[in-house]
Amino acid sequence: MTRRRIILGTAALATAATGALWGATLPARAHDAKGPNGGQLTDAGKYHVELVGKGTRLEVFVSDANDAPLPAIGFKALAILVIEGKPQRIPLQPEGTDRLTGTAPAPLPSPPKGVIQLTAPDGTVAQARFN
């Protein structure tokens, strides 16, 4: 074997081992892709966040670790979503008792992609990533 083949083989083996290790240590996503309101669902710290996009309207629902809906009052959020190829910052405000809402400058793609920065009433900050 040539030195180059040994190096390439070792690199391939190390890459495979690292991938297997990460796959074994990363937690599985605790939810299906769809939330109870029909949107994307993901974790954000100790919260579960559901993102629903309808035209230019953006709705975010927050629940606890047991999937119980949390009141929106006291939460603050900022959505940073890719819309028409550009990142757009959309402030979200509580609306009603169960959701944070905002309006995008253009229709949201389906599914929306980006990050929700969530500030809880106690001041803790968490991020929900939607890919």
Protein backbone atom coordinates (compact mmCIF):
# COMPACT_ATOMS: atom_id res chain seq x y z
CA MET A 1 0.00 0.00 0.00
CA THR A 2 1.12 3.45 -0.72
CA ARG A 3 1.38 6.06 1.99
CA ARG A 4 -1.43 8.03 0.39
CA ARG A 5 -3.84 5.06 0.51
CA ILE A 6 -3.01 4.47 4.16
CA ILE A 7 -3.72 8.12 5.01
CA LEU A 8 -6.97 8.18 3.01
CA GLY A 9 -8.11 4.88 4.53
CA THR A 10 -7.35 6.11 8.04
CA ALA A 11 -9.21 9.37 7.39
CA ALA A 12 -12.26 7.51 6.06
CA LEU A 13 -12.26 5.20 9.08
CA ALA A 14 -11.99 8.14 11.49
CA THR A 15 -14.85 9.94 9.74
CA ALA A 16 -17.07 6.86 9.92
CA ALA A 17 -16.24 6.31 13.61
CA THR A 18 -16.97 9.94 14.44
CA GLY A 19 -20.30 9.78 12.63
CA ALA A 20 -21.26 6.61 14.47
CA LEU A 21 -20.24 8.15 17.80
CA TRP A 22 -22.26 11.32 17.22
CA GLY A 23 -25.24 9.33 16.06
CA ALA A 24 -25.10 7.25 19.22
CA THR A 25 -24.77 10.20 21.61
CA LEU A 26 -27.19 12.73 20.14
CA PRO A 27 -30.68 12.59 21.60
CA ALA A 28 -33.47 11.56 19.28
CA ARG A 29 -36.02 14.22 18.43
CA ALA A 30 -38.88 13.79 20.85
CA HIS A 31 -41.61 14.81 18.43
CA ASP A 32 -43.11 14.14 15.06
CA ALA A 33 -42.54 16.79 12.42
CA LYS A 34 -46.10 18.12 12.86
CA GLY A 35 -47.40 19.86 15.96
CA PRO A 36 -51.00 19.98 17.23
CA ASN A 37 -51.65 23.16 15.22
CA GLY A 38 -50.33 21.69 11.97
CA GLY A 39 -46.91 23.38 12.07
CA GLN A 40 -43.31 22.25 12.49
CA LEU A 41 -42.39 21.21 16.02
CA THR A 42 -38.94 21.33 17.62
CA ASP A 43 -37.24 21.70 20.99
CA ALA A 44 -35.88 24.96 22.39
CA GLY A 45 -34.22 24.42 25.74
CA LYS A 46 -36.90 23.23 28.17
CA TYR A 47 -39.68 24.27 25.78
CA HIS A 48 -41.27 22.81 22.68
CA VAL A 49 -41.94 25.34 19.93
CA GLU A 50 -44.36 24.96 17.03
CA LEU A 51 -44.02 27.24 13.99
CA VAL A 52 -47.05 27.78 11.76
CA GLY A 53 -46.81 29.93 8.61
CA LYS A 54 -49.91 31.08 6.73
CA GLY A 55 -49.25 33.54 3.91
CA THR A 56 -47.41 36.41 5.60
CA ARG A 57 -48.74 35.53 9.06
CA LEU A 58 -46.44 33.70 11.46
CA GLU A 59 -47.73 31.94 14.58
CA VAL A 60 -45.61 30.36 17.31
CA PHE A 61 -47.02 28.09 20.01
CA VAL A 62 -44.98 27.23 23.11
CA SER A 63 -45.47 24.16 25.30
CA ASP A 64 -43.62 22.64 28.23
CA ALA A 65 -41.66 19.38 28.35
CA ASN A 66 -44.93 17.46 28.86
CA ASP A 67 -46.47 19.06 25.74
CA ALA A 68 -48.87 21.16 27.83
CA PRO A 69 -49.53 24.54 26.12
CA LEU A 70 -48.07 27.54 27.92
CA PRO A 71 -49.68 30.99 28.05
CA ALA A 72 -48.03 33.40 25.60
CA ILE A 73 -48.23 36.33 28.01
CA GLY A 74 -44.74 37.18 29.26
CA PHE A 75 -42.91 35.51 26.37
CA LYS A 76 -41.03 37.57 23.80
CA ALA A 77 -39.75 36.21 20.52
CA LEU A 78 -37.93 37.14 17.35
CA ALA A 79 -38.14 35.02 14.21
CA ILE A 80 -35.19 35.13 11.84
CA LEU A 81 -36.43 33.34 8.74
CA VAL A 82 -35.16 32.99 5.19
CA ILE A 83 -37.77 34.57 2.92
CA GLU A 84 -37.13 34.94 -0.81
CA GLY A 85 -33.49 34.02 -0.22
CA LYS A 86 -32.81 36.70 2.41
CA PRO A 87 -32.87 36.59 6.22
CA GLN A 88 -35.81 38.56 7.61
CA ARG A 89 -36.28 39.59 11.26
CA ILE A 90 -39.89 39.32 12.40
CA PRO A 91 -40.78 40.45 15.94
CA LEU A 92 -43.42 38.25 17.58
CA GLN A 93 -45.94 39.48 20.15
CA PRO A 94 -48.42 37.57 22.32
CA GLU A 95 -51.87 37.30 20.75
CA GLY A 96 -54.72 35.78 22.66
CA THR A 97 -53.68 33.37 25.36
CA ASP A 98 -51.80 30.69 23.48
CA ARG A 99 -49.64 32.11 20.68
CA LEU A 100 -47.08 34.66 19.57
CA THR A 101 -47.67 36.21 16.16
CA GLY A 102 -45.93 38.42 13.64
CA THR A 103 -46.19 39.48 10.01
CA ALA A 104 -43.55 38.73 7.41
CA PRO A 105 -42.72 41.26 4.65
CA ALA A 106 -43.51 38.60 2.00
CA PRO A 107 -45.29 35.23 1.89
CA LEU A 108 -43.57 32.58 3.99
CA PRO A 109 -42.10 29.55 2.23
CA SER A 110 -43.51 26.16 3.10
CA PRO A 111 -42.08 25.02 5.40
CA PRO A 112 -40.47 28.16 6.89
CA LYS A 113 -36.75 27.85 7.65
CA GLY A 114 -34.77 29.75 10.26
CA VAL A 115 -34.59 30.37 14.00
CA ILE A 116 -37.00 31.52 16.69
CA GLN A 117 -35.25 33.30 19.57
CA LEU A 118 -37.54 32.85 22.56
CA THR A 119 -37.28 34.81 25.82
CA ALA A 120 -39.32 33.29 28.64
CA PRO A 121 -41.04 35.31 31.39
CA ASP A 122 -38.17 34.38 33.77
CA GLY A 123 -35.61 35.86 31.34
CA THR A 124 -34.15 32.61 30.06
CA VAL A 125 -33.42 32.56 26.35
CA ALA A 126 -33.76 29.56 24.05
CA GLN A 127 -33.52 29.00 20.30
CA ALA A 128 -35.71 26.82 18.13
CA ARG A 129 -34.15 25.89 14.79
CA PHE A 130 -36.30 25.00 11.82
CA ASN A 131 -34.49 23.50 8.84
